[in-house]
Amino acid sequence: MLIGVTVALASCGSGQPTALDRTPATVPAARSTTTVKPSPTTTPRPARAPTPGGRQTDTPGSPLPTPAALVPFSAPAVAGEGVWSPAGRMVGGVPAVYETTLVPPGGPQAAGIAWMDTRLLSALLYSGSLSPGGGPYRYTAPIQPTEAASVVAAFNGGFIMNVAGGGYYTEGSMIDPLVPGAASLVIYSDGSVNVGAWGSDVAMTPSVVSVRQNLVPLVAAGQPTPQADSPNWQAWGDTCGAISCSPAVPGIEQQWRSGVGVTADGALVFATGPALDPLQLAQLLVHAGVERGMQLDINPNWTVLVTYDPPIPGGLAAPSNGSQLLAATVQGPSTFFEPWWARDFITMSARPTPPA
């Protein structure tokens, strides 16, 4: 079994994408499908203590408003479609992650969407021997007990670096040079996270601890980018065929894809689904309120988000208390706890609860 996994680690999801224009752009070209913008309303979270003058705190530990229900793209809606449900362990007595499913415009199957409260959660990049390679790294699979005590969610990273079209910086080392214009997930020393084009939306500062680049932006200014709407879908990476990942089998446009982005108020949103083209992935992120987003890994073996809910407060996240965003993902709750897992991933962990 280990041999089979090792072979898989070096195959699907690592195809060479063709060149994409890195010119910043925010207005997508027209296409037959239509993106429905999410409702601007939000659901209140539990009351927070006001600061002097009556203004509520806007700091880590002070929850974001919960996301509003998402209107399905088409009718009739699938049961539960667009309705958020809490997932994973609570932080400070409130949910820090919400999940839902949504069928994308023109799509045949529902995708999963996870909304993560970055005021309650801190991000951490884990590095692998295959992606990005090199090392050794302080943070690499398997997740250790010290970190497992606070992990709420974990999700996949991007392509292996020789086809990522970007760079990788972590733990004080430039593993691969960072590329101007590349889509970048950036983590800061306080655990906060941002997504954007390198050199314009995000840049190197003394507080940056990790940068994971992958291709070019998928969402900018709250809209799919023209590159996301390009008919050249192969530029977003080689895909597996309908029933096989063999190089001899032609890839298909609507395949497993994953992406991540940030909303206007700083929430982190992850999406994945089994039958997505790049535009549909972008539309899902936009519909969930994402202002800037990027594609992560693709193909059946690689896309996954797991939440962990230990049975006792402060308990260790473990495969036994993990739940997949979509049950059909190949990887699951045990993936990030396996020593052989050789790809990068991101964890979202509970921030220390401030004193009352």
Protein backbone atom coordinates (compact mmCIF):
# COMPACT_ATOMS: atom_id res chain seq x y z
CA MET A 1 0.00 0.00 0.00
CA LEU A 2 2.83 2.39 0.87
CA ILE A 3 4.42 1.74 -2.51
CA GLY A 4 1.16 2.60 -4.25
CA VAL A 5 0.84 5.83 -2.32
CA THR A 6 4.40 6.81 -3.08
CA VAL A 7 3.81 6.34 -6.80
CA ALA A 8 0.64 8.40 -6.60
CA LEU A 9 2.44 11.20 -4.82
CA ALA A 10 4.59 11.78 -7.86
CA SER A 11 1.87 11.53 -10.50
CA CYS A 12 -1.56 13.22 -10.70
CA GLY A 13 -1.74 16.91 -9.99
CA SER A 14 1.77 17.68 -11.15
CA GLY A 15 1.22 18.30 -14.85
CA GLN A 16 2.82 21.26 -16.57
CA PRO A 17 0.38 24.13 -17.11
CA THR A 18 0.79 26.28 -20.19
CA ALA A 19 1.63 29.95 -19.75
CA LEU A 20 -0.97 32.29 -18.26
CA ASP A 21 -0.86 36.06 -18.61
CA ARG A 22 0.39 37.61 -15.35
CA THR A 23 -1.00 41.05 -16.22
CA PRO A 24 -3.21 42.15 -13.29
CA ALA A 25 -6.84 42.18 -14.35
CA THR A 26 -10.12 42.35 -12.48
CA VAL A 27 -12.90 42.35 -15.07
CA PRO A 28 -13.71 38.91 -16.52
CA ALA A 29 -14.76 38.27 -20.08
CA ALA A 30 -18.38 37.24 -20.61
CA ARG A 31 -19.32 33.59 -20.52
CA SER A 32 -22.58 31.70 -20.69
CA THR A 33 -22.67 31.02 -16.95
CA THR A 34 -23.55 33.77 -14.48
CA THR A 35 -22.08 34.44 -11.06
CA VAL A 36 -24.69 35.29 -8.45
CA LYS A 37 -23.26 37.59 -5.81
CA PRO A 38 -23.88 36.54 -2.20
CA SER A 39 -26.22 38.46 0.00
CA PRO A 40 -24.37 41.23 1.85
CA THR A 41 -26.18 40.41 5.08
CA THR A 42 -24.55 38.43 7.85
CA THR A 43 -25.75 36.52 10.87
CA PRO A 44 -24.71 37.99 14.23
CA ARG A 45 -22.31 36.02 16.42
CA PRO A 46 -22.57 36.05 20.21
CA ALA A 47 -22.23 39.54 21.67
CA ARG A 48 -18.72 40.82 22.28
CA ALA A 49 -17.55 43.17 24.96
CA PRO A 50 -17.42 46.74 23.60
CA THR A 51 -14.30 48.84 23.85
CA PRO A 52 -14.44 52.31 25.39
CA GLY A 53 -16.78 54.51 23.38
CA GLY A 54 -19.03 51.58 22.48
CA ARG A 55 -17.03 50.30 19.48
CA GLN A 56 -16.65 46.51 19.49
CA THR A 57 -13.21 44.98 19.38
CA ASP A 58 -11.74 44.02 16.02
CA THR A 59 -8.86 41.86 17.16
CA PRO A 60 -7.95 38.16 17.24
CA GLY A 61 -10.34 36.40 19.62
CA SER A 62 -13.24 38.65 18.64
CA PRO A 63 -15.35 36.57 16.20
CA LEU A 64 -16.29 37.67 12.72
CA PRO A 65 -20.00 37.76 11.81
CA THR A 66 -21.12 34.35 10.62
CA PRO A 67 -21.53 34.00 6.85
CA ALA A 68 -24.96 34.50 5.30
CA ALA A 69 -26.66 31.58 3.60
CA LEU A 70 -25.70 31.32 -0.08
CA VAL A 71 -28.39 31.48 -2.72
CA PRO A 72 -28.12 28.42 -5.02
CA PHE A 73 -27.07 29.17 -8.57
CA SER A 74 -30.03 27.31 -10.02
CA ALA A 75 -33.34 25.76 -9.01
CA PRO A 76 -34.42 23.38 -7.73
CA ALA A 77 -31.82 23.51 -4.98
CA VAL A 78 -30.22 20.38 -3.59
CA ALA A 79 -31.22 19.73 0.03
CA GLY A 80 -29.08 21.84 2.34
CA GLU A 81 -27.41 23.67 -0.53
CA GLY A 82 -26.00 27.01 0.57
CA VAL A 83 -26.90 26.50 4.24
CA TRP A 84 -23.91 26.80 6.55
CA SER A 85 -23.28 24.26 9.31
CA PRO A 86 -20.62 24.60 12.03
CA ALA A 87 -17.70 22.17 11.78
CA GLY A 88 -14.71 21.33 13.92
CA ARG A 89 -13.94 22.19 17.52
CA MET A 90 -15.30 25.45 18.87
CA VAL A 91 -12.98 28.29 19.85
CA GLY A 92 -13.91 30.42 22.81
CA GLY A 93 -17.32 28.78 22.85
CA VAL A 94 -18.27 29.63 19.27
CA PRO A 95 -17.78 27.82 15.93
CA ALA A 96 -14.71 28.93 13.99
CA VAL A 97 -15.48 26.98 10.79
CA TYR A 98 -18.70 26.73 8.80
CA GLU A 99 -19.29 24.42 5.82
CA THR A 100 -21.83 24.11 3.05
CA THR A 101 -22.23 22.62 -0.42
CA LEU A 102 -23.16 24.36 -3.66
CA VAL A 103 -23.62 23.23 -7.24
CA PRO A 104 -21.63 25.61 -9.47
CA PRO A 105 -23.18 27.25 -12.55
CA GLY A 106 -23.56 24.60 -15.22
CA GLY A 107 -22.02 22.00 -12.93
CA PRO A 108 -23.27 18.44 -12.51
CA GLN A 109 -22.15 17.86 -8.90
CA ALA A 110 -22.05 19.80 -5.64
CA ALA A 111 -18.79 21.28 -4.40
CA GLY A 112 -17.86 21.86 -0.77
CA ILE A 113 -17.13 25.30 0.70
CA ALA A 114 -15.56 26.02 4.09
CA TRP A 115 -15.56 29.45 5.75
CA MET A 116 -12.90 29.99 8.44
CA ASP A 117 -12.85 32.76 11.04
CA THR A 118 -9.33 34.17 11.00
CA ARG A 119 -9.92 36.13 14.20
CA LEU A 120 -10.36 32.82 16.02
CA LEU A 121 -7.90 30.77 13.95
CA SER A 122 -4.22 31.10 13.09
CA ALA A 123 -2.65 29.65 9.96
CA LEU A 124 0.49 27.52 9.69
CA LEU A 125 2.21 26.18 6.56
CA TYR A 126 3.48 22.60 6.70
CA SER A 127 6.13 21.61 4.13
CA GLY A 128 6.79 18.24 2.51
CA SER A 129 9.71 16.34 1.04
CA LEU A 130 8.06 16.41 -2.40
CA SER A 131 6.37 19.77 -2.18
CA PRO A 132 8.29 22.00 -1.84
CA GLY A 133 11.15 19.52 -1.33
CA GLY A 134 14.33 20.22 0.54
CA GLY A 135 14.15 20.45 4.30
CA PRO A 136 14.23 19.17 6.92
CA TYR A 137 11.37 21.34 8.15
CA ARG A 138 10.16 22.06 11.64
CA TYR A 139 6.58 21.78 10.44
CA THR A 140 5.98 18.75 8.27
CA ALA A 141 3.71 15.70 8.37
CA PRO A 142 2.75 14.15 10.67
CA ILE A 143 1.12 16.85 12.81
CA GLN A 144 2.69 16.56 16.25
CA PRO A 145 0.74 16.44 19.55
CA THR A 146 1.78 19.98 20.51
CA GLU A 147 0.06 21.38 17.42
CA ALA A 148 -2.74 18.77 17.40
CA ALA A 149 -3.97 20.23 20.69
CA SER A 150 -5.28 23.28 18.83
CA VAL A 151 -5.77 22.22 15.18
CA VAL A 152 -9.32 22.90 13.95
CA ALA A 153 -8.90 22.37 10.19
CA ALA A 154 -6.30 21.41 7.59
CA PHE A 155 -6.35 21.64 3.82
CA ASN A 156 -4.13 20.87 0.83
CA GLY A 157 -1.50 23.17 -0.63
CA GLY A 158 -0.62 23.71 -4.28
CA PHE A 159 1.24 22.07 -7.17
CA ILE A 160 4.74 20.64 -6.82
CA MET A 161 7.10 23.54 -7.34
CA ASN A 162 8.43 22.76 -10.82
CA VAL A 163 4.94 23.37 -12.21
CA ALA A 164 3.55 25.86 -9.67
CA GLY A 165 4.65 28.93 -11.63
CA GLY A 166 5.72 30.56 -8.38
CA GLY A 167 7.88 30.34 -5.31
CA TYR A 168 7.90 29.15 -1.71
CA TYR A 169 9.20 30.84 1.44
CA THR A 170 8.96 29.42 4.95
CA GLU A 171 10.83 29.00 8.23
CA GLY A 172 13.25 31.78 7.27
CA SER A 173 14.32 30.13 3.99
CA MET A 174 13.57 30.97 0.36
CA ILE A 175 12.95 27.47 -0.97
CA ASP A 176 12.01 28.74 -4.45
CA PRO A 177 12.23 32.39 -5.59
CA LEU A 178 8.99 34.33 -5.25
CA VAL A 179 7.50 35.46 -8.56
CA PRO A 180 5.95 38.92 -9.08
CA GLY A 181 2.28 38.67 -10.00
CA ALA A 182 1.94 35.07 -8.83
CA ALA A 183 -1.08 34.12 -6.73
CA SER A 184 0.17 33.90 -3.15
CA LEU A 185 -1.07 32.64 0.18
CA VAL A 186 0.81 34.62 2.82
CA ILE A 187 1.01 33.82 6.52
CA TYR A 188 2.24 36.34 9.09
CA SER A 189 3.94 35.97 12.46
CA ASP A 190 0.66 36.50 14.34
CA GLY A 191 -0.98 33.65 12.39
CA SER A 192 -3.05 35.91 10.18
CA VAL A 193 -3.33 34.98 6.50
CA ASN A 194 -3.88 36.83 3.23
CA VAL A 195 -4.23 35.91 -0.45
CA GLY A 196 -3.34 38.05 -3.44
CA ALA A 197 -0.99 38.86 -6.30
CA TRP A 198 2.62 39.07 -5.16
CA GLY A 199 4.03 42.58 -5.37
CA SER A 200 0.68 44.37 -5.55
CA ASP A 201 -1.82 42.86 -3.08
CA VAL A 202 0.81 41.24 -0.85
CA ALA A 203 4.56 41.70 -0.43
CA MET A 204 7.48 40.72 1.78
CA THR A 205 7.57 42.42 5.19
CA PRO A 206 9.37 41.57 8.45
CA SER A 207 6.18 39.91 9.72
CA VAL A 208 5.85 37.45 6.81
CA VAL A 209 6.71 33.91 7.89
CA SER A 210 5.41 31.87 4.91
CA VAL A 211 4.50 32.43 1.27
CA ARG A 212 3.02 29.69 -0.91
CA GLN A 213 2.60 30.68 -4.57
CA ASN A 214 0.59 28.78 -7.18
CA LEU A 215 -0.10 30.01 -10.75
CA VAL A 216 -1.86 33.39 -11.13
CA PRO A 217 -4.86 34.94 -9.35
CA LEU A 218 -8.18 33.20 -9.89
CA VAL A 219 -10.27 35.93 -8.24
CA ALA A 220 -9.45 39.64 -8.05
CA ALA A 221 -11.58 42.57 -6.87
CA GLY A 222 -14.39 40.17 -6.06
CA GLN A 223 -14.69 38.77 -9.60
CA PRO A 224 -13.22 35.83 -11.55
CA THR A 225 -10.16 37.03 -13.44
CA PRO A 226 -10.05 36.92 -17.24
CA GLN A 227 -7.52 34.10 -16.90
CA ALA A 228 -10.11 32.09 -14.95
CA ASP A 229 -12.52 32.61 -17.84
CA SER A 230 -9.97 31.67 -20.50
CA PRO A 231 -10.84 28.79 -22.83
CA ASN A 232 -7.27 27.58 -22.27
CA TRP A 233 -8.20 25.55 -19.17
CA GLN A 234 -5.02 23.47 -19.53
CA ALA A 235 -3.12 26.55 -18.36
CA TRP A 236 -4.48 25.78 -14.88
CA GLY A 237 -2.71 22.42 -14.80
CA ASP A 238 -2.89 18.99 -16.41
CA THR A 239 -5.89 17.02 -15.21
CA CYS A 240 -6.66 13.34 -14.88
CA GLY A 241 -9.02 11.64 -17.28
CA ALA A 242 -12.58 10.76 -16.40
CA ILE A 243 -11.68 7.33 -15.02
CA SER A 244 -7.88 7.30 -14.83
CA CYS A 245 -4.88 9.45 -13.99
CA SER A 246 -2.70 7.61 -16.50
CA PRO A 247 -0.69 10.01 -18.70
CA ALA A 248 -2.05 8.09 -21.68
CA VAL A 249 -5.62 9.14 -20.83
CA PRO A 250 -6.71 12.62 -22.02
CA GLY A 251 -7.47 15.03 -19.19
CA ILE A 252 -10.89 16.57 -18.71
CA GLU A 253 -11.76 20.20 -18.00
CA GLN A 254 -14.23 19.55 -15.18
CA GLN A 255 -12.09 17.69 -12.66
CA TRP A 256 -11.30 17.86 -8.95
CA ARG A 257 -9.98 21.35 -8.15
CA SER A 258 -9.43 23.32 -4.98
CA GLY A 259 -9.00 26.99 -4.25
CA VAL A 260 -8.75 29.47 -1.38
CA GLY A 261 -9.39 33.16 -0.91
CA VAL A 262 -10.09 35.96 1.54
CA THR A 263 -13.28 37.95 2.05
CA ALA A 264 -13.54 41.70 2.60
CA ASP A 265 -13.65 41.19 6.39
CA GLY A 266 -10.72 38.77 6.38
CA ALA A 267 -12.37 35.35 6.56
CA LEU A 268 -10.58 32.55 4.72
CA VAL A 269 -12.70 30.51 2.29
CA PHE A 270 -11.75 27.14 0.81
CA ALA A 271 -13.62 25.33 -1.96
CA THR A 272 -13.23 21.98 -3.68
CA GLY A 273 -15.37 19.82 -5.90
CA PRO A 274 -15.21 16.80 -8.18
CA ALA A 275 -16.29 18.42 -11.44
CA LEU A 276 -15.00 21.98 -11.67
CA ASP A 277 -13.41 24.02 -14.42
CA PRO A 278 -11.33 27.06 -13.38
CA LEU A 279 -14.20 29.54 -13.88
CA GLN A 280 -16.61 27.45 -11.81
CA LEU A 281 -14.07 27.28 -8.97
CA ALA A 282 -13.70 31.06 -9.16
CA GLN A 283 -17.47 31.51 -9.18
CA LEU A 284 -17.87 29.41 -6.04
CA LEU A 285 -15.26 31.49 -4.21
CA VAL A 286 -16.84 34.76 -5.36
CA HIS A 287 -20.30 33.58 -4.36
CA ALA A 288 -18.96 32.95 -0.85
CA GLY A 289 -17.68 36.53 -0.66
CA VAL A 290 -14.04 36.10 -1.73
CA GLU A 291 -12.32 39.29 -2.91
CA ARG A 292 -8.96 37.73 -3.84
CA GLY A 293 -8.49 34.03 -4.52
CA MET A 294 -6.19 31.43 -6.02
CA GLN A 295 -6.31 27.85 -7.26
CA LEU A 296 -4.52 25.28 -5.12
CA ASP A 297 -3.99 21.63 -6.07
CA ILE A 298 -6.15 19.69 -8.52
CA ASN A 299 -7.05 16.08 -9.44
CA PRO A 300 -8.61 13.33 -7.30
CA ASN A 301 -5.60 12.41 -5.15
CA TRP A 302 -4.83 15.85 -3.77
CA THR A 303 -7.77 18.11 -2.86
CA VAL A 304 -9.08 17.87 0.71
CA LEU A 305 -10.18 19.87 3.73
CA VAL A 306 -10.68 18.18 7.09
CA THR A 307 -12.05 19.60 10.35
CA TYR A 308 -11.25 18.07 13.74
CA ASP A 309 -13.54 17.97 16.77
CA PRO A 310 -12.00 16.15 19.75
CA PRO A 311 -14.56 14.81 22.21
CA ILE A 312 -13.11 16.81 25.11
CA PRO A 313 -12.09 20.50 25.17
CA GLY A 314 -8.39 20.87 24.48
CA GLY A 315 -8.18 17.31 23.21
CA LEU A 316 -5.86 16.31 20.40
CA ALA A 317 -7.01 16.48 16.80
CA ALA A 318 -6.70 12.96 15.39
CA PRO A 319 -7.97 10.85 12.49
CA SER A 320 -10.67 9.46 14.79
CA ASN A 321 -12.29 12.87 15.29
CA GLY A 322 -11.79 14.31 11.80
CA SER A 323 -14.45 14.93 9.15
CA GLN A 324 -13.96 15.65 5.45
CA LEU A 325 -15.60 18.65 3.81
CA LEU A 326 -16.64 16.27 1.03
CA ALA A 327 -16.87 12.56 1.78
CA ALA A 328 -15.71 11.71 -1.75
CA THR A 329 -12.20 13.18 -1.39
CA VAL A 330 -9.50 10.52 -1.64
CA GLN A 331 -7.52 12.01 1.23
CA GLY A 332 -9.12 12.26 4.64
CA PRO A 333 -8.71 12.79 8.39
CA SER A 334 -5.59 10.59 8.64
CA THR A 335 -3.68 12.21 5.76
CA PHE A 336 -1.98 14.98 7.72
CA PHE A 337 -1.04 12.58 10.50
CA GLU A 338 0.83 10.20 8.17
CA PRO A 339 4.67 10.35 8.11
CA TRP A 340 4.66 9.49 4.41
CA TRP A 341 2.56 12.51 3.40
CA ALA A 342 5.06 14.44 1.28
CA ARG A 343 3.08 17.50 0.14
CA ASP A 344 2.61 20.89 1.75
CA PHE A 345 -0.60 21.75 3.56
CA ILE A 346 -2.07 24.46 5.78
CA THR A 347 -3.52 24.08 9.24
CA MET A 348 -5.92 26.46 10.94
CA SER A 349 -5.60 26.31 14.73
CA ALA A 350 -7.46 27.84 17.66
CA ARG A 351 -5.96 31.05 18.89
CA PRO A 352 -5.55 31.32 22.67
CA THR A 353 -8.81 32.54 24.17
CA PRO A 354 -8.30 36.01 25.68
CA PRO A 355 -9.25 36.45 29.33
CA ALA A 356 -12.80 37.65 30.00
